[in-house]
């Protein structure tokens, strides 16, 4: 698949299974994340990788964070299962720092670009992936458990594995309603 086809046919892969990325594939996925536009070259992001036993640790963090927010039993059960939807989950964090030329929003956007680049790299390697956020991305109790600062922001949880089923292709979209010219 060439780059244009990859970009114009991109769609998430919500049902994932073993195997997850090999070490070499993970290196490529991370390398893609490191190549995103990054004004000032400050790398305003961190990639927290959970696989194998790390998935249970992430699940424990999810449950504790939801419990601290008063989550009911149904939510706690859901949180306990979430990391196990894929063999690997990468939490991508915008690591915002004060910078005279790079505002916080630009740093957060760079982290978001890293998620997209990493997802595209996974697809190019024949893997499946889905970028999820949800309430836990903004849960300060989870941020504390992951040892993040107040300035940090989770921009996504990238679930990666082998597609469990071939997702039906989504129809192409026209841009007429979102494009205008000056």
Protein backbone atom coordinates (compact mmCIF):
# COMPACT_ATOMS: atom_id res chain seq x y z
CA UNK A 1 0.00 0.00 0.00
CA UNK A 2 1.44 3.38 -0.95
CA UNK A 3 1.37 6.42 1.33
CA UNK A 4 -1.57 8.15 -0.38
CA UNK A 5 -3.71 5.01 -0.27
CA UNK A 6 -2.78 4.53 3.40
CA UNK A 7 -3.87 8.08 4.25
CA UNK A 8 -7.05 8.12 2.18
CA UNK A 9 -8.32 4.70 3.28
CA UNK A 10 -7.37 4.97 6.97
CA UNK A 11 -9.84 3.57 9.44
CA UNK A 12 -9.53 2.32 12.97
CA UNK A 13 -9.37 -1.36 13.81
CA UNK A 14 -11.47 -1.79 16.97
CA UNK A 15 -11.15 -5.59 17.32
CA UNK A 16 -7.56 -6.59 17.99
CA UNK A 17 -5.83 -9.78 19.07
CA UNK A 18 -2.38 -11.35 19.49
CA UNK A 19 0.20 -11.02 18.23
CA UNK A 20 1.09 -7.46 19.04
CA UNK A 21 3.96 -5.59 17.45
CA UNK A 22 7.36 -7.24 17.43
CA UNK A 23 10.26 -5.29 18.93
CA UNK A 24 11.32 -4.22 15.44
CA UNK A 25 7.78 -3.13 14.56
CA UNK A 26 7.51 -1.19 17.82
CA UNK A 27 10.79 0.57 17.03
CA UNK A 28 9.34 1.62 13.67
CA UNK A 29 6.08 2.79 15.25
CA UNK A 30 7.98 4.89 17.79
CA UNK A 31 10.28 6.26 15.06
CA UNK A 32 7.18 7.43 13.16
CA UNK A 33 5.94 9.20 16.29
CA UNK A 34 9.27 10.96 16.67
CA UNK A 35 9.15 12.36 13.11
CA UNK A 36 6.06 14.54 13.52
CA UNK A 37 6.18 18.32 13.17
CA UNK A 38 7.89 19.54 16.33
CA UNK A 39 8.55 23.28 16.43
CA UNK A 40 11.75 23.85 18.35
CA UNK A 41 12.61 20.13 18.39
CA UNK A 42 11.45 19.90 22.01
CA UNK A 43 9.73 16.49 21.73
CA UNK A 44 6.69 17.55 23.78
CA UNK A 45 5.43 14.01 24.25
CA UNK A 46 5.97 10.78 26.10
CA UNK A 47 4.96 7.26 25.05
CA UNK A 48 4.00 4.94 27.94
CA UNK A 49 3.90 1.36 26.65
CA UNK A 50 1.80 -1.35 28.28
CA UNK A 51 2.03 -4.95 27.14
CA UNK A 52 1.96 -8.33 28.86
CA UNK A 53 2.03 -7.64 32.64
CA UNK A 54 1.92 -3.90 31.90
CA UNK A 55 -1.65 -4.30 30.65
CA UNK A 56 -2.69 -5.44 34.13
CA UNK A 57 -0.87 -2.48 35.67
CA UNK A 58 -2.70 -0.14 33.29
CA UNK A 59 -6.02 -1.84 34.13
CA UNK A 60 -5.31 -1.37 37.85
CA UNK A 61 -4.59 2.32 37.21
CA UNK A 62 -7.82 2.69 35.20
CA UNK A 63 -9.89 1.06 37.96
CA UNK A 64 -8.29 3.11 40.74
CA UNK A 65 -8.79 6.34 38.79
CA UNK A 66 -12.44 5.55 38.04
CA UNK A 67 -13.03 4.56 41.66
CA UNK A 68 -11.50 7.85 42.86
CA UNK A 69 -14.04 9.67 40.66
CA UNK A 70 -16.91 7.72 42.22
CA UNK A 71 -17.40 5.27 39.35
CA UNK A 72 -20.06 2.61 39.84
CA UNK A 73 -19.39 -1.14 39.73
CA UNK A 74 -20.29 -1.37 36.04
CA UNK A 75 -17.73 1.30 35.14
CA UNK A 76 -15.05 -0.31 37.31
CA UNK A 77 -15.59 -3.66 35.56
CA UNK A 78 -15.36 -1.96 32.18
CA UNK A 79 -12.13 -0.18 33.18
CA UNK A 80 -10.62 -3.48 34.34
CA UNK A 81 -11.13 -4.94 30.86
CA UNK A 82 -10.22 -1.96 28.69
CA UNK A 83 -6.44 -2.50 28.33
CA UNK A 84 -7.00 -6.13 27.33
CA UNK A 85 -8.75 -5.11 24.10
CA UNK A 86 -5.31 -5.30 22.44
CA UNK A 87 -1.90 -6.88 23.04
CA UNK A 88 -0.36 -3.41 23.40
CA UNK A 89 -1.60 -0.02 24.56
CA UNK A 90 0.56 3.07 24.17
CA UNK A 91 -0.53 6.05 26.24
CA UNK A 92 0.59 9.19 24.43
CA UNK A 93 1.08 12.19 26.69
CA UNK A 94 1.59 15.82 25.68
CA UNK A 95 4.46 16.99 27.90
CA UNK A 96 3.85 20.72 27.78
CA UNK A 97 6.66 22.96 28.96
CA UNK A 98 6.94 26.74 29.02
CA UNK A 99 8.62 27.83 25.80
CA UNK A 100 9.02 31.35 24.40
CA UNK A 101 8.14 30.33 20.82
CA UNK A 102 6.07 27.13 21.14
CA UNK A 103 2.69 27.63 22.84
CA UNK A 104 1.02 24.83 24.80
CA UNK A 105 -1.53 24.16 22.06
CA UNK A 106 1.21 23.60 19.50
CA UNK A 107 2.89 21.13 21.84
CA UNK A 108 -0.39 19.25 22.35
CA UNK A 109 -0.97 19.17 18.61
CA UNK A 110 2.50 17.67 18.12
CA UNK A 111 1.58 14.89 20.56
CA UNK A 112 -1.68 14.33 18.66
CA UNK A 113 0.28 14.13 15.41
CA UNK A 114 2.49 11.51 17.06
CA UNK A 115 -0.58 9.34 17.75
CA UNK A 116 -1.69 9.59 14.13
CA UNK A 117 1.79 8.87 12.77
CA UNK A 118 2.16 5.87 15.07
CA UNK A 119 -1.25 4.52 14.06
CA UNK A 120 -0.40 4.94 10.37
CA UNK A 121 2.93 3.17 10.91
CA UNK A 122 1.11 0.26 12.57
CA UNK A 123 -1.21 0.01 9.55
CA UNK A 124 1.74 0.16 7.14
CA UNK A 125 3.31 -2.75 9.04
CA UNK A 126 0.16 -4.84 8.59
CA UNK A 127 -1.07 -4.36 12.15
CA UNK A 128 -4.36 -2.95 13.34
CA UNK A 129 -4.77 -0.01 15.69
CA UNK A 130 -7.34 2.29 17.22
CA UNK A 131 -6.82 5.68 18.88
CA UNK A 132 -9.09 6.02 21.89
CA UNK A 133 -9.50 8.83 24.41
CA UNK A 134 -12.55 8.95 26.66
CA UNK A 135 -12.88 10.26 30.20
CA UNK A 136 -9.76 8.52 31.48
CA UNK A 137 -7.58 10.71 29.24
CA UNK A 138 -8.71 13.67 31.38
CA UNK A 139 -8.88 11.90 34.74
CA UNK A 140 -6.40 13.62 37.06
CA UNK A 141 -6.27 10.54 39.30
CA UNK A 142 -4.99 8.51 36.34
CA UNK A 143 -2.52 11.27 35.56
CA UNK A 144 -1.19 11.00 39.12
CA UNK A 145 -0.92 7.21 38.90
CA UNK A 146 1.07 7.60 35.67
CA UNK A 147 3.29 10.20 37.41
CA UNK A 148 2.27 13.02 35.08
CA UNK A 149 2.50 16.69 35.98
CA UNK A 150 -0.36 19.18 36.06
CA UNK A 151 0.78 20.55 32.69
CA UNK A 152 0.74 17.10 31.04
CA UNK A 153 -2.26 15.86 29.06
CA UNK A 154 -3.02 12.40 27.78
CA UNK A 155 -3.94 12.84 24.11
CA UNK A 156 -4.72 9.22 23.42
CA UNK A 157 -4.48 5.55 24.14
CA UNK A 158 -3.23 3.76 21.01
CA UNK A 159 -4.36 0.14 21.04
CA UNK A 160 -2.26 -2.02 18.68
CA UNK A 161 -2.45 -5.66 17.64
CA UNK A 162 -3.45 -7.96 14.85
CA UNK A 163 -6.90 -7.31 13.39
CA UNK A 164 -9.36 -9.92 14.69
CA UNK A 165 -11.64 -9.36 11.70
CA UNK A 166 -11.38 -7.38 8.50
CA UNK A 167 -13.30 -4.19 9.14
CA UNK A 168 -15.70 -3.25 6.36
CA UNK A 169 -14.40 -0.33 4.34
CA UNK A 170 -15.97 2.98 5.17
CA UNK A 171 -17.28 5.01 2.23
CA UNK A 172 -15.12 7.86 1.00
CA UNK A 173 -16.16 11.31 2.17
CA UNK A 174 -16.55 14.47 0.16
CA UNK A 175 -15.07 17.62 1.63
CA UNK A 176 -17.60 20.07 0.21
CA UNK A 177 -19.02 20.93 3.61
CA UNK A 178 -15.64 21.51 5.28
CA UNK A 179 -13.64 23.17 2.50
CA UNK A 180 -13.82 26.78 1.41
CA UNK A 181 -11.56 29.06 -0.56
CA UNK A 182 -10.58 32.66 -0.01
